[in-house]
Amino acid sequence: MDILEKITKLRLEKGWTEYELAERAELTQSTISSWYRKKLIPSIPSLEHICNAYGITLSQFFLEDDCFSHQLTKEQVNVLNRWNRLTKEQQKKLADFLDSIL
């Protein structure tokens, strides 16, 4: 598995720039850029930050061929992708709304 390729694929799926990923992952953009320039593999702590930004676990990151998404319907994956684009505040408001109607 090409870790940098996977990071890029997930970033593009979210529609994020490298800067947005860095902000959400609480890393510097220069750190992320250096991985690509120097063809470095991120450290486990850095990769955990990246996974947290994407809203996935390290285990899910390393699943091949998006095995995790095959367990969900297309609609469920769509909802989760939209959820991950929300800020923490927006996620809380949406969760509160859902609680109020269920």
Protein backbone atom coordinates (compact mmCIF):
# COMPACT_ATOMS: atom_id res chain seq x y z
CA MET A 1 0.00 0.00 0.00
CA ASP A 2 1.25 3.46 -0.89
CA ILE A 3 0.46 5.48 2.24
CA LEU A 4 0.95 8.87 0.61
CA GLU A 5 -1.28 7.85 -2.28
CA LYS A 6 -3.98 6.77 0.17
CA ILE A 7 -3.72 10.08 2.08
CA THR A 8 -4.08 11.95 -1.21
CA LYS A 9 -7.01 9.80 -2.35
CA LEU A 10 -8.90 10.40 0.90
CA ARG A 11 -8.09 14.12 0.80
CA LEU A 12 -9.40 14.48 -2.73
CA GLU A 13 -12.56 12.52 -1.85
CA LYS A 14 -13.22 15.12 0.83
CA GLY A 15 -12.49 17.95 -1.58
CA TRP A 16 -9.84 19.32 0.77
CA THR A 17 -6.67 21.13 -0.11
CA GLU A 18 -3.42 20.05 1.48
CA TYR A 19 -3.75 23.10 3.73
CA GLU A 20 -7.25 22.07 4.86
CA LEU A 21 -6.01 18.58 5.69
CA ALA A 22 -3.13 20.04 7.69
CA GLU A 23 -5.53 22.28 9.64
CA ARG A 24 -7.99 19.47 10.37
CA ALA A 25 -5.19 17.06 11.29
CA GLU A 26 -3.51 19.65 13.53
CA LEU A 27 -0.28 19.31 11.57
CA THR A 28 1.68 21.91 9.65
CA GLN A 29 1.31 22.06 5.91
CA SER A 30 5.11 21.99 5.63
CA THR A 31 5.13 18.63 7.43
CA ILE A 32 2.67 17.14 4.98
CA SER A 33 4.42 18.71 1.98
CA SER A 34 7.76 17.31 3.10
CA TRP A 35 6.34 13.77 3.09
CA TYR A 36 5.62 14.14 -0.61
CA ARG A 37 8.78 16.04 -1.55
CA LYS A 38 11.07 13.64 0.29
CA LYS A 39 8.89 10.55 -0.27
CA LEU A 40 8.72 9.97 3.49
CA ILE A 41 6.25 7.78 5.33
CA PRO A 42 4.42 9.66 8.11
CA SER A 43 5.07 8.58 11.68
CA ILE A 44 2.33 6.64 13.45
CA PRO A 45 1.36 9.68 15.59
CA SER A 46 1.14 11.84 12.44
CA LEU A 47 -0.88 9.18 10.67
CA GLU A 48 -3.23 9.04 13.67
CA HIS A 49 -3.76 12.80 13.29
CA ILE A 50 -4.51 12.29 9.60
CA CYS A 51 -6.98 9.50 10.39
CA ASN A 52 -8.68 11.62 13.04
CA ALA A 53 -9.12 14.38 10.47
CA TYR A 54 -10.75 11.90 8.09
CA GLY A 55 -12.89 10.47 10.89
CA ILE A 56 -11.48 6.97 10.52
CA THR A 57 -9.30 4.63 12.56
CA LEU A 58 -5.84 3.45 11.61
CA SER A 59 -7.36 0.02 10.93
CA GLN A 60 -9.83 1.53 8.48
CA PHE A 61 -7.02 3.48 6.81
CA PHE A 62 -5.11 0.29 6.10
CA LEU A 63 -8.08 -1.67 4.73
CA GLU A 64 -7.51 -2.43 1.06
CA ASP A 65 -10.00 -1.55 -1.66
CA ASP A 66 -12.27 0.42 0.67
CA CYS A 67 -13.47 -2.78 2.39
CA PHE A 68 -15.07 -0.69 5.11
CA SER A 69 -17.30 1.18 2.69
CA HIS A 70 -18.55 -2.09 1.14
CA GLN A 71 -20.29 -2.88 4.43
CA LEU A 72 -22.37 0.28 4.10
CA THR A 73 -24.96 1.26 1.55
CA LYS A 74 -24.14 4.00 -0.93
CA GLU A 75 -26.51 6.33 0.95
CA GLN A 76 -24.80 5.60 4.28
CA VAL A 77 -21.36 6.30 2.83
CA ASN A 78 -22.70 9.55 1.36
CA VAL A 79 -24.06 10.63 4.77
CA LEU A 80 -20.77 9.77 6.49
CA ASN A 81 -18.77 11.68 3.88
CA ARG A 82 -20.96 14.73 4.40
CA TRP A 83 -20.70 14.35 8.18
CA ASN A 84 -16.91 14.35 7.97
CA ARG A 85 -16.96 17.67 6.10
CA LEU A 86 -18.83 19.35 8.96
CA THR A 87 -17.07 21.21 11.76
CA LYS A 88 -17.34 19.75 15.26
CA GLU A 89 -19.93 22.41 16.10
CA GLN A 90 -22.00 21.56 13.03
CA GLN A 91 -21.77 17.84 13.86
CA LYS A 92 -23.08 18.54 17.37
CA LYS A 93 -25.98 20.63 16.03
CA LEU A 94 -26.89 17.93 13.53
CA ALA A 95 -26.71 15.21 16.19
CA ASP A 96 -28.92 17.32 18.48
CA PHE A 97 -31.39 17.79 15.63
CA LEU A 98 -31.47 14.06 14.88
CA ASP A 99 -32.02 13.31 18.59
CA SER A 100 -34.96 15.73 18.60
CA ILE A 101 -36.75 14.00 15.71
CA LEU A 102 -36.10 10.38 16.69
